Amino acid sequence: VFGKRLSFFFNAHNNMLEEVAKFRAA
């Protein structure tokens, strides 16, 4: 129940491909 209402807030920096990979890994 509570797990469905958890959300996250991440940063997007300039190293674009590292950032894309970061989101996928998370």
mmCIF file of all heavy atoms, coordinates in Angstrom:
data_MODEL
# 
_entry.id   MODEL 
# 
loop_
_atom_site.group_PDB 
_atom_site.id 
_atom_site.type_symbol 
_atom_site.label_atom_id 
_atom_site.label_alt_id 
_atom_site.label_comp_id 
_atom_site.label_asym_id 
_atom_site.label_entity_id 
_atom_site.label_seq_id 
_atom_site.pdbx_PDB_ins_code 
_atom_site.Cartn_x 
_atom_site.Cartn_y 
_atom_site.Cartn_z 
_atom_site.occupancy 
_atom_site.B_iso_or_equiv 
_atom_site.pdbx_formal_charge 
_atom_site.auth_seq_id 
_atom_site.auth_comp_id 
_atom_site.auth_asym_id 
_atom_site.auth_atom_id 
_atom_site.pdbx_PDB_model_num 
ATOM 1   N N   . VAL A 1 1  ? 0.842  -1.201 0.000   1.00 0.00 ? 1  VAL A N   1 
ATOM 2   C CA  . VAL A 1 1  ? 0.000  0.000  0.000   1.00 0.00 ? 1  VAL A CA  1 
ATOM 3   C C   . VAL A 1 1  ? 0.872  1.244  0.000   1.00 0.00 ? 1  VAL A C   1 
ATOM 4   O O   . VAL A 1 1  ? 0.845  2.048  -0.933  1.00 0.00 ? 1  VAL A O   1 
ATOM 5   C CB  . VAL A 1 1  ? -0.967 -0.001 1.202   1.00 0.00 ? 1  VAL A CB  1 
ATOM 6   C CG1 . VAL A 1 1  ? -1.758 1.306  1.235   1.00 0.00 ? 1  VAL A CG1 1 
ATOM 7   C CG2 . VAL A 1 1  ? -1.909 -1.190 1.131   1.00 0.00 ? 1  VAL A CG2 1 
ATOM 8   N N   . PHE A 1 2  ? 1.714  1.409  1.045   1.00 0.00 ? 2  PHE A N   1 
ATOM 9   C CA  . PHE A 1 2  ? 2.510  2.637  1.106   1.00 0.00 ? 2  PHE A CA  1 
ATOM 10  C C   . PHE A 1 2  ? 3.609  2.660  0.043   1.00 0.00 ? 2  PHE A C   1 
ATOM 11  O O   . PHE A 1 2  ? 4.037  3.728  -0.398  1.00 0.00 ? 2  PHE A O   1 
ATOM 12  C CB  . PHE A 1 2  ? 3.093  2.863  2.507   1.00 0.00 ? 2  PHE A CB  1 
ATOM 13  C CG  . PHE A 1 2  ? 4.242  1.977  2.897   1.00 0.00 ? 2  PHE A CG  1 
ATOM 14  C CD1 . PHE A 1 2  ? 5.535  2.222  2.447   1.00 0.00 ? 2  PHE A CD1 1 
ATOM 15  C CD2 . PHE A 1 2  ? 4.047  0.891  3.741   1.00 0.00 ? 2  PHE A CD2 1 
ATOM 16  C CE1 . PHE A 1 2  ? 6.595  1.416  2.820   1.00 0.00 ? 2  PHE A CE1 1 
ATOM 17  C CE2 . PHE A 1 2  ? 5.106  0.074  4.114   1.00 0.00 ? 2  PHE A CE2 1 
ATOM 18  C CZ  . PHE A 1 2  ? 6.390  0.335  3.647   1.00 0.00 ? 2  PHE A CZ  1 
ATOM 19  N N   . GLY A 1 3  ? 4.053  1.472  -0.408  1.00 0.00 ? 3  GLY A N   1 
ATOM 20  C CA  . GLY A 1 3  ? 5.108  1.420  -1.416  1.00 0.00 ? 3  GLY A CA  1 
ATOM 21  C C   . GLY A 1 3  ? 4.712  2.064  -2.732  1.00 0.00 ? 3  GLY A C   1 
ATOM 22  O O   . GLY A 1 3  ? 5.557  2.595  -3.459  1.00 0.00 ? 3  GLY A O   1 
ATOM 23  N N   . LYS A 1 4  ? 3.405  2.065  -3.043  1.00 0.00 ? 4  LYS A N   1 
ATOM 24  C CA  . LYS A 1 4  ? 2.928  2.671  -4.288  1.00 0.00 ? 4  LYS A CA  1 
ATOM 25  C C   . LYS A 1 4  ? 2.983  4.195  -4.244  1.00 0.00 ? 4  LYS A C   1 
ATOM 26  O O   . LYS A 1 4  ? 2.918  4.850  -5.288  1.00 0.00 ? 4  LYS A O   1 
ATOM 27  C CB  . LYS A 1 4  ? 1.485  2.247  -4.555  1.00 0.00 ? 4  LYS A CB  1 
ATOM 28  C CG  . LYS A 1 4  ? 1.285  0.760  -4.782  1.00 0.00 ? 4  LYS A CG  1 
ATOM 29  C CD  . LYS A 1 4  ? -0.204 0.475  -4.931  1.00 0.00 ? 4  LYS A CD  1 
ATOM 30  C CE  . LYS A 1 4  ? -0.495 -1.013 -4.973  1.00 0.00 ? 4  LYS A CE  1 
ATOM 31  N NZ  . LYS A 1 4  ? -1.941 -1.292 -5.017  1.00 0.00 ? 4  LYS A NZ  1 
ATOM 32  N N   . ARG A 1 5  ? 3.051  4.770  -3.041  1.00 0.00 ? 5  ARG A N   1 
ATOM 33  C CA  . ARG A 1 5  ? 3.009  6.220  -2.903  1.00 0.00 ? 5  ARG A CA  1 
ATOM 34  C C   . ARG A 1 5  ? 4.381  6.806  -2.621  1.00 0.00 ? 5  ARG A C   1 
ATOM 35  O O   . ARG A 1 5  ? 4.509  7.995  -2.343  1.00 0.00 ? 5  ARG A O   1 
ATOM 36  C CB  . ARG A 1 5  ? 2.037  6.642  -1.792  1.00 0.00 ? 5  ARG A CB  1 
ATOM 37  C CG  . ARG A 1 5  ? 0.601  6.173  -1.934  1.00 0.00 ? 5  ARG A CG  1 
ATOM 38  C CD  . ARG A 1 5  ? 0.031  6.139  -3.317  1.00 0.00 ? 5  ARG A CD  1 
ATOM 39  N NE  . ARG A 1 5  ? 0.213  7.322  -4.149  1.00 0.00 ? 5  ARG A NE  1 
ATOM 40  C CZ  . ARG A 1 5  ? 0.017  7.344  -5.445  1.00 0.00 ? 5  ARG A CZ  1 
ATOM 41  N NH1 . ARG A 1 5  ? -0.338 6.270  -6.111  1.00 0.00 ? 5  ARG A NH1 1 
ATOM 42  N NH2 . ARG A 1 5  ? 0.196  8.466  -6.124  1.00 0.00 ? 5  ARG A NH2 1 
ATOM 43  N N   . LEU A 1 6  ? 5.428  5.998  -2.691  1.00 0.00 ? 6  LEU A N   1 
ATOM 44  C CA  . LEU A 1 6  ? 6.783  6.511  -2.554  1.00 0.00 ? 6  LEU A CA  1 
ATOM 45  C C   . LEU A 1 6  ? 7.245  7.035  -3.911  1.00 0.00 ? 6  LEU A C   1 
ATOM 46  O O   . LEU A 1 6  ? 7.038  6.398  -4.934  1.00 0.00 ? 6  LEU A O   1 
ATOM 47  C CB  . LEU A 1 6  ? 7.739  5.403  -2.086  1.00 0.00 ? 6  LEU A CB  1 
ATOM 48  C CG  . LEU A 1 6  ? 7.386  4.683  -0.784  1.00 0.00 ? 6  LEU A CG  1 
ATOM 49  C CD1 . LEU A 1 6  ? 8.420  3.602  -0.487  1.00 0.00 ? 6  LEU A CD1 1 
ATOM 50  C CD2 . LEU A 1 6  ? 7.280  5.653  0.378   1.00 0.00 ? 6  LEU A CD2 1 
ATOM 51  N N   . SER A 1 7  ? 7.856  8.199  -3.906  1.00 0.00 ? 7  SER A N   1 
ATOM 52  C CA  . SER A 1 7  ? 8.409  8.726  -5.147  1.00 0.00 ? 7  SER A CA  1 
ATOM 53  C C   . SER A 1 7  ? 9.802  9.263  -4.859  1.00 0.00 ? 7  SER A C   1 
ATOM 54  O O   . SER A 1 7  ? 10.211 9.381  -3.703  1.00 0.00 ? 7  SER A O   1 
ATOM 55  C CB  . SER A 1 7  ? 7.513  9.834  -5.725  1.00 0.00 ? 7  SER A CB  1 
ATOM 56  O OG  . SER A 1 7  ? 7.459  10.942 -4.843  1.00 0.00 ? 7  SER A OG  1 
ATOM 57  N N   . PHE A 1 8  ? 10.520 9.595  -5.916  1.00 0.00 ? 8  PHE A N   1 
ATOM 58  C CA  . PHE A 1 8  ? 11.912 10.024 -5.784  1.00 0.00 ? 8  PHE A CA  1 
ATOM 59  C C   . PHE A 1 8  ? 12.137 11.333 -6.531  1.00 0.00 ? 8  PHE A C   1 
ATOM 60  O O   . PHE A 1 8  ? 11.343 11.719 -7.392  1.00 0.00 ? 8  PHE A O   1 
ATOM 61  C CB  . PHE A 1 8  ? 12.857 8.935  -6.306  1.00 0.00 ? 8  PHE A CB  1 
ATOM 62  C CG  . PHE A 1 8  ? 12.918 7.723  -5.422  1.00 0.00 ? 8  PHE A CG  1 
ATOM 63  C CD1 . PHE A 1 8  ? 11.928 6.753  -5.479  1.00 0.00 ? 8  PHE A CD1 1 
ATOM 64  C CD2 . PHE A 1 8  ? 13.946 7.573  -4.499  1.00 0.00 ? 8  PHE A CD2 1 
ATOM 65  C CE1 . PHE A 1 8  ? 11.965 5.647  -4.647  1.00 0.00 ? 8  PHE A CE1 1 
ATOM 66  C CE2 . PHE A 1 8  ? 13.990 6.473  -3.662  1.00 0.00 ? 8  PHE A CE2 1 
ATOM 67  C CZ  . PHE A 1 8  ? 13.005 5.511  -3.733  1.00 0.00 ? 8  PHE A CZ  1 
ATOM 68  N N   . PHE A 1 9  ? 13.224 11.983 -6.197  1.00 0.00 ? 9  PHE A N   1 
ATOM 69  C CA  . PHE A 1 9  ? 13.559 13.288 -6.773  1.00 0.00 ? 9  PHE A CA  1 
ATOM 70  C C   . PHE A 1 9  ? 15.059 13.288 -7.061  1.00 0.00 ? 9  PHE A C   1 
ATOM 71  O O   . PHE A 1 9  ? 15.877 13.241 -6.145  1.00 0.00 ? 9  PHE A O   1 
ATOM 72  C CB  . PHE A 1 9  ? 13.184 14.369 -5.759  1.00 0.00 ? 9  PHE A CB  1 
ATOM 73  C CG  . PHE A 1 9  ? 13.531 15.779 -6.150  1.00 0.00 ? 9  PHE A CG  1 
ATOM 74  C CD1 . PHE A 1 9  ? 13.736 16.151 -7.477  1.00 0.00 ? 9  PHE A CD1 1 
ATOM 75  C CD2 . PHE A 1 9  ? 13.630 16.761 -5.174  1.00 0.00 ? 9  PHE A CD2 1 
ATOM 76  C CE1 . PHE A 1 9  ? 14.052 17.460 -7.814  1.00 0.00 ? 9  PHE A CE1 1 
ATOM 77  C CE2 . PHE A 1 9  ? 13.939 18.079 -5.506  1.00 0.00 ? 9  PHE A CE2 1 
ATOM 78  C CZ  . PHE A 1 9  ? 14.142 18.424 -6.818  1.00 0.00 ? 9  PHE A CZ  1 
ATOM 79  N N   . PHE A 1 10 ? 15.401 13.300 -8.351  1.00 0.00 ? 10 PHE A N   1 
ATOM 80  C CA  . PHE A 1 10 ? 16.801 13.227 -8.740  1.00 0.00 ? 10 PHE A CA  1 
ATOM 81  C C   . PHE A 1 10 ? 17.238 14.478 -9.496  1.00 0.00 ? 10 PHE A C   1 
ATOM 82  O O   . PHE A 1 10 ? 16.434 15.261 -9.981  1.00 0.00 ? 10 PHE A O   1 
ATOM 83  C CB  . PHE A 1 10 ? 17.042 11.996 -9.616  1.00 0.00 ? 10 PHE A CB  1 
ATOM 84  C CG  . PHE A 1 10 ? 16.953 10.689 -8.866  1.00 0.00 ? 10 PHE A CG  1 
ATOM 85  C CD1 . PHE A 1 10 ? 16.038 9.714  -9.246  1.00 0.00 ? 10 PHE A CD1 1 
ATOM 86  C CD2 . PHE A 1 10 ? 17.777 10.430 -7.781  1.00 0.00 ? 10 PHE A CD2 1 
ATOM 87  C CE1 . PHE A 1 10 ? 15.945 8.512  -8.569  1.00 0.00 ? 10 PHE A CE1 1 
ATOM 88  C CE2 . PHE A 1 10 ? 17.697 9.229  -7.091  1.00 0.00 ? 10 PHE A CE2 1 
ATOM 89  C CZ  . PHE A 1 10 ? 16.784 8.266  -7.484  1.00 0.00 ? 10 PHE A CZ  1 
ATOM 90  N N   . ASN A 1 11 ? 18.549 14.617 -9.591  1.00 0.00 ? 11 ASN A N   1 
ATOM 91  C CA  . ASN A 1 11 ? 19.196 15.720 -10.279 1.00 0.00 ? 11 ASN A CA  1 
ATOM 92  C C   . ASN A 1 11 ? 19.564 15.277 -11.691 1.00 0.00 ? 11 ASN A C   1 
ATOM 93  O O   . ASN A 1 11 ? 19.858 14.105 -11.913 1.00 0.00 ? 11 ASN A O   1 
ATOM 94  C CB  . ASN A 1 11 ? 20.474 16.090 -9.510  1.00 0.00 ? 11 ASN A CB  1 
ATOM 95  C CG  . ASN A 1 11 ? 20.869 17.536 -9.650  1.00 0.00 ? 11 ASN A CG  1 
ATOM 96  O OD1 . ASN A 1 11 ? 20.888 18.068 -10.748 1.00 0.00 ? 11 ASN A OD1 1 
ATOM 97  N ND2 . ASN A 1 11 ? 21.209 18.162 -8.535  1.00 0.00 ? 11 ASN A ND2 1 
ATOM 98  N N   . ALA A 1 12 ? 19.554 16.198 -12.622 1.00 0.00 ? 12 ALA A N   1 
ATOM 99  C CA  . ALA A 1 12 ? 20.088 15.922 -13.961 1.00 0.00 ? 12 ALA A CA  1 
ATOM 100 C C   . ALA A 1 12 ? 21.252 16.870 -14.198 1.00 0.00 ? 12 ALA A C   1 
ATOM 101 O O   . ALA A 1 12 ? 21.083 18.089 -14.180 1.00 0.00 ? 12 ALA A O   1 
ATOM 102 C CB  . ALA A 1 12 ? 19.021 16.114 -15.030 1.00 0.00 ? 12 ALA A CB  1 
ATOM 103 N N   . HIS A 1 13 ? 22.445 16.304 -14.398 1.00 0.00 ? 13 HIS A N   1 
ATOM 104 C CA  . HIS A 1 13 ? 23.653 17.095 -14.625 1.00 0.00 ? 13 HIS A CA  1 
ATOM 105 C C   . HIS A 1 13 ? 24.055 17.045 -16.091 1.00 0.00 ? 13 HIS A C   1 
ATOM 106 O O   . HIS A 1 13 ? 23.320 16.530 -16.939 1.00 0.00 ? 13 HIS A O   1 
ATOM 107 C CB  . HIS A 1 13 ? 24.773 16.600 -13.711 1.00 0.00 ? 13 HIS A CB  1 
ATOM 108 C CG  . HIS A 1 13 ? 24.817 17.316 -12.399 1.00 0.00 ? 13 HIS A CG  1 
ATOM 109 N ND1 . HIS A 1 13 ? 25.984 17.759 -11.832 1.00 0.00 ? 13 HIS A ND1 1 
ATOM 110 C CD2 . HIS A 1 13 ? 23.830 17.667 -11.545 1.00 0.00 ? 13 HIS A CD2 1 
ATOM 111 C CE1 . HIS A 1 13 ? 25.713 18.353 -10.678 1.00 0.00 ? 13 HIS A CE1 1 
ATOM 112 N NE2 . HIS A 1 13 ? 24.411 18.304 -10.482 1.00 0.00 ? 13 HIS A NE2 1 
ATOM 113 N N   . ASN A 1 14 ? 25.235 17.560 -16.397 1.00 0.00 ? 14 ASN A N   1 
ATOM 114 C CA  . ASN A 1 14 ? 25.617 17.783 -17.795 1.00 0.00 ? 14 ASN A CA  1 
ATOM 115 C C   . ASN A 1 14 ? 26.145 16.556 -18.531 1.00 0.00 ? 14 ASN A C   1 
ATOM 116 O O   . ASN A 1 14 ? 26.098 16.517 -19.756 1.00 0.00 ? 14 ASN A O   1 
ATOM 117 C CB  . ASN A 1 14 ? 26.676 18.890 -17.867 1.00 0.00 ? 14 ASN A CB  1 
ATOM 118 C CG  . ASN A 1 14 ? 26.092 20.260 -17.590 1.00 0.00 ? 14 ASN A CG  1 
ATOM 119 O OD1 . ASN A 1 14 ? 24.925 20.503 -17.860 1.00 0.00 ? 14 ASN A OD1 1 
ATOM 120 N ND2 . ASN A 1 14 ? 26.901 21.153 -17.034 1.00 0.00 ? 14 ASN A ND2 1 
ATOM 121 N N   . ASN A 1 15 ? 26.690 15.577 -17.801 1.00 0.00 ? 15 ASN A N   1 
ATOM 122 C CA  . ASN A 1 15 ? 27.199 14.378 -18.466 1.00 0.00 ? 15 ASN A CA  1 
ATOM 123 C C   . ASN A 1 15 ? 25.996 13.514 -18.842 1.00 0.00 ? 15 ASN A C   1 
ATOM 124 O O   . ASN A 1 15 ? 25.585 12.617 -18.106 1.00 0.00 ? 15 ASN A O   1 
ATOM 125 C CB  . ASN A 1 15 ? 28.164 13.623 -17.553 1.00 0.00 ? 15 ASN A CB  1 
ATOM 126 C CG  . ASN A 1 15 ? 28.894 12.506 -18.271 1.00 0.00 ? 15 ASN A CG  1 
ATOM 127 O OD1 . ASN A 1 15 ? 28.384 11.936 -19.245 1.00 0.00 ? 15 ASN A OD1 1 
ATOM 128 N ND2 . ASN A 1 15 ? 30.092 12.182 -17.807 1.00 0.00 ? 15 ASN A ND2 1 
ATOM 129 N N   . MET A 1 16 ? 25.442 13.792 -19.996 1.00 0.00 ? 16 MET A N   1 
ATOM 130 C CA  . MET A 1 16 ? 24.116 13.291 -20.345 1.00 0.00 ? 16 MET A CA  1 
ATOM 131 C C   . MET A 1 16 ? 24.019 11.767 -20.290 1.00 0.00 ? 16 MET A C   1 
ATOM 132 O O   . MET A 1 16 ? 23.072 11.209 -19.730 1.00 0.00 ? 16 MET A O   1 
ATOM 133 C CB  . MET A 1 16 ? 23.713 13.784 -21.737 1.00 0.00 ? 16 MET A CB  1 
ATOM 134 C CG  . MET A 1 16 ? 22.277 13.446 -22.105 1.00 0.00 ? 16 MET A CG  1 
ATOM 135 S SD  . MET A 1 16 ? 21.797 14.075 -23.712 1.00 0.00 ? 16 MET A SD  1 
ATOM 136 C CE  . MET A 1 16 ? 22.542 12.889 -24.803 1.00 0.00 ? 16 MET A CE  1 
ATOM 137 N N   . LEU A 1 17 ? 24.993 11.070 -20.861 1.00 0.00 ? 17 LEU A N   1 
ATOM 138 C CA  . LEU A 1 17 ? 24.876 9.610  -20.940 1.00 0.00 ? 17 LEU A CA  1 
ATOM 139 C C   . LEU A 1 17 ? 25.081 8.965  -19.576 1.00 0.00 ? 17 LEU A C   1 
ATOM 140 O O   . LEU A 1 17 ? 24.444 7.951  -19.265 1.00 0.00 ? 17 LEU A O   1 
ATOM 141 C CB  . LEU A 1 17 ? 25.859 9.070  -21.973 1.00 0.00 ? 17 LEU A CB  1 
ATOM 142 C CG  . LEU A 1 17 ? 25.601 9.563  -23.410 1.00 0.00 ? 17 LEU A CG  1 
ATOM 143 C CD1 . LEU A 1 17 ? 26.627 8.978  -24.365 1.00 0.00 ? 17 LEU A CD1 1 
ATOM 144 C CD2 . LEU A 1 17 ? 24.188 9.211  -23.867 1.00 0.00 ? 17 LEU A CD2 1 
ATOM 145 N N   . GLU A 1 18 ? 25.955 9.540  -18.743 1.00 0.00 ? 18 GLU A N   1 
ATOM 146 C CA  . GLU A 1 18 ? 26.083 9.025  -17.374 1.00 0.00 ? 18 GLU A CA  1 
ATOM 147 C C   . GLU A 1 18 ? 24.767 9.216  -16.615 1.00 0.00 ? 18 GLU A C   1 
ATOM 148 O O   . GLU A 1 18 ? 24.346 8.338  -15.849 1.00 0.00 ? 18 GLU A O   1 
ATOM 149 C CB  . GLU A 1 18 ? 27.218 9.735  -16.625 1.00 0.00 ? 18 GLU A CB  1 
ATOM 150 C CG  . GLU A 1 18 ? 27.397 9.187  -15.197 1.00 0.00 ? 18 GLU A CG  1 
ATOM 151 C CD  . GLU A 1 18 ? 28.414 9.950  -14.369 1.00 0.00 ? 18 GLU A CD  1 
ATOM 152 O OE1 . GLU A 1 18 ? 28.553 11.175 -14.557 1.00 0.00 ? 18 GLU A OE1 1 
ATOM 153 O OE2 . GLU A 1 18 ? 29.064 9.325  -13.518 1.00 0.00 ? 18 GLU A OE2 1 
ATOM 154 N N   . GLU A 1 19 ? 24.107 10.350 -16.834 1.00 0.00 ? 19 GLU A N   1 
ATOM 155 C CA  . GLU A 1 19 ? 22.847 10.614 -16.137 1.00 0.00 ? 19 GLU A CA  1 
ATOM 156 C C   . GLU A 1 19 ? 21.757 9.630  -16.579 1.00 0.00 ? 19 GLU A C   1 
ATOM 157 O O   . GLU A 1 19 ? 21.003 9.112  -15.759 1.00 0.00 ? 19 GLU A O   1 
ATOM 158 C CB  . GLU A 1 19 ? 22.398 12.050 -16.391 1.00 0.00 ? 19 GLU A CB  1 
ATOM 159 C CG  . GLU A 1 19 ? 23.305 13.093 -15.785 1.00 0.00 ? 19 GLU A CG  1 
ATOM 160 C CD  . GLU A 1 19 ? 23.373 12.991 -14.271 1.00 0.00 ? 19 GLU A CD  1 
ATOM 161 O OE1 . GLU A 1 19 ? 22.373 13.295 -13.597 1.00 0.00 ? 19 GLU A OE1 1 
ATOM 162 O OE2 . GLU A 1 19 ? 24.431 12.610 -13.746 1.00 0.00 ? 19 GLU A OE2 1 
ATOM 163 N N   . VAL A 1 20 ? 21.681 9.363  -17.876 1.00 0.00 ? 20 VAL A N   1 
ATOM 164 C CA  . VAL A 1 20 ? 20.696 8.374  -18.363 1.00 0.00 ? 20 VAL A CA  1 
ATOM 165 C C   . VAL A 1 20 ? 20.959 7.017  -17.709 1.00 0.00 ? 20 VAL A C   1 
ATOM 166 O O   . VAL A 1 20 ? 20.036 6.350  -17.232 1.00 0.00 ? 20 VAL A O   1 
ATOM 167 C CB  . VAL A 1 20 ? 20.765 8.259  -19.900 1.00 0.00 ? 20 VAL A CB  1 
ATOM 168 C CG1 . VAL A 1 20 ? 19.907 7.093  -20.393 1.00 0.00 ? 20 VAL A CG1 1 
ATOM 169 C CG2 . VAL A 1 20 ? 20.314 9.558  -20.557 1.00 0.00 ? 20 VAL A CG2 1 
ATOM 170 N N   . ALA A 1 21 ? 22.208 6.609  -17.666 1.00 0.00 ? 21 ALA A N   1 
ATOM 171 C CA  . ALA A 1 21 ? 22.567 5.328  -17.055 1.00 0.00 ? 21 ALA A CA  1 
ATOM 172 C C   . ALA A 1 21 ? 22.239 5.320  -15.563 1.00 0.00 ? 21 ALA A C   1 
ATOM 173 O O   . ALA A 1 21 ? 21.799 4.293  -15.018 1.00 0.00 ? 21 ALA A O   1 
ATOM 174 C CB  . ALA A 1 21 ? 24.053 5.047  -17.275 1.00 0.00 ? 21 ALA A CB  1 
ATOM 175 N N   . LYS A 1 22 ? 22.439 6.447  -14.902 1.00 0.00 ? 22 LYS A N   1 
ATOM 176 C CA  . LYS A 1 22 ? 22.128 6.563  -13.475 1.00 0.00 ? 22 LYS A CA  1 
ATOM 177 C C   . LYS A 1 22 ? 20.649 6.290  -13.216 1.00 0.00 ? 22 LYS A C   1 
ATOM 178 O O   . LYS A 1 22 ? 20.289 5.534  -12.306 1.00 0.00 ? 22 LYS A O   1 
ATOM 179 C CB  . LYS A 1 22 ? 22.494 7.972  -12.988 1.00 0.00 ? 22 LYS A CB  1 
ATOM 180 C CG  . LYS A 1 22 ? 22.147 8.267  -11.541 1.00 0.00 ? 22 LYS A CG  1 
ATOM 181 C CD  . LYS A 1 22 ? 22.324 9.750  -11.221 1.00 0.00 ? 22 LYS A CD  1 
ATOM 182 C CE  . LYS A 1 22 ? 21.186 10.575 -11.789 1.00 0.00 ? 22 LYS A CE  1 
ATOM 183 N NZ  . LYS A 1 22 ? 21.308 12.014 -11.448 1.00 0.00 ? 22 LYS A NZ  1 
ATOM 184 N N   . PHE A 1 23 ? 19.781 6.901  -14.010 1.00 0.00 ? 23 PHE A N   1 
ATOM 185 C CA  . PHE A 1 23 ? 18.344 6.709  -13.830 1.00 0.00 ? 23 PHE A CA  1 
ATOM 186 C C   . PHE A 1 23 ? 17.948 5.248  -14.076 1.00 0.00 ? 23 PHE A C   1 
ATOM 187 O O   . PHE A 1 23 ? 17.130 4.677  -13.343 1.00 0.00 ? 23 PHE A O   1 
ATOM 188 C CB  . PHE A 1 23 ? 17.557 7.622  -14.773 1.00 0.00 ? 23 PHE A CB  1 
ATOM 189 C CG  . PHE A 1 23 ? 17.760 9.094  -14.524 1.00 0.00 ? 23 PHE A CG  1 
ATOM 190 C CD1 . PHE A 1 23 ? 17.999 9.966  -15.586 1.00 0.00 ? 23 PHE A CD1 1 
ATOM 191 C CD2 . PHE A 1 23 ? 17.725 9.625  -13.243 1.00 0.00 ? 23 PHE A CD2 1 
ATOM 192 C CE1 . PHE A 1 23 ? 18.183 11.320 -15.371 1.00 0.00 ? 23 PHE A CE1 1 
ATOM 193 C CE2 . PHE A 1 23 ? 17.905 10.982 -13.018 1.00 0.00 ? 23 PHE A CE2 1 
ATOM 194 C CZ  . PHE A 1 23 ? 18.145 11.837 -14.082 1.00 0.00 ? 23 PHE A CZ  1 
ATOM 195 N N   . ARG A 1 24 ? 18.539 4.633  -15.090 1.00 0.00 ? 24 ARG A N   1 
ATOM 196 C CA  . ARG A 1 24 ? 18.221 3.235  -15.407 1.00 0.00 ? 24 ARG A CA  1 
ATOM 197 C C   . ARG A 1 24 ? 18.668 2.319  -14.269 1.00 0.00 ? 24 ARG A C   1 
ATOM 198 O O   . ARG A 1 24 ? 17.938 1.409  -13.849 1.00 0.00 ? 24 ARG A O   1 
ATOM 199 C CB  . ARG A 1 24 ? 18.894 2.822  -16.731 1.00 0.00 ? 24 ARG A CB  1 
ATOM 200 C CG  . ARG A 1 24 ? 18.437 3.651  -17.922 1.00 0.00 ? 24 ARG A CG  1 
ATOM 201 C CD  . ARG A 1 24 ? 19.241 3.361  -19.188 1.00 0.00 ? 24 ARG A CD  1 
ATOM 202 N NE  . ARG A 1 24 ? 18.636 2.272  -19.958 1.00 0.00 ? 24 ARG A NE  1 
ATOM 203 C CZ  . ARG A 1 24 ? 19.181 1.108  -20.188 1.00 0.00 ? 24 ARG A CZ  1 
ATOM 204 N NH1 . ARG A 1 24 ? 20.384 0.825  -19.681 1.00 0.00 ? 24 ARG A NH1 1 
ATOM 205 N NH2 . ARG A 1 24 ? 18.562 0.199  -20.907 1.00 0.00 ? 24 ARG A NH2 1 
ATOM 206 N N   . ALA A 1 25 ? 19.878 2.564  -13.748 1.00 0.00 ? 25 ALA A N   1 
ATOM 207 C CA  . ALA A 1 25 ? 20.401 1.735  -12.655 1.00 0.00 ? 25 ALA A CA  1 
ATOM 208 C C   . ALA A 1 25 ? 19.565 1.905  -11.391 1.00 0.00 ? 25 ALA A C   1 
ATOM 209 O O   . ALA A 1 25 ? 19.296 0.929  -10.669 1.00 0.00 ? 25 ALA A O   1 
ATOM 210 C CB  . ALA A 1 25 ? 21.858 2.110  -12.373 1.00 0.00 ? 25 ALA A CB  1 
ATOM 211 N N   . ALA A 1 26 ? 19.134 3.127  -11.105 1.00 0.00 ? 26 ALA A N   1 
ATOM 212 C CA  . ALA A 1 26 ? 18.339 3.387  -9.894  1.00 0.00 ? 26 ALA A CA  1 
ATOM 213 C C   . ALA A 1 26 ? 17.035 2.602  -9.911  1.00 0.00 ? 26 ALA A C   1 
ATOM 214 O O   . ALA A 1 26 ? 16.623 2.037  -8.886  1.00 0.00 ? 26 ALA A O   1 
ATOM 215 C CB  . ALA A 1 26 ? 18.060 4.883  -9.766  1.00 0.00 ? 26 ALA A CB  1 
# 
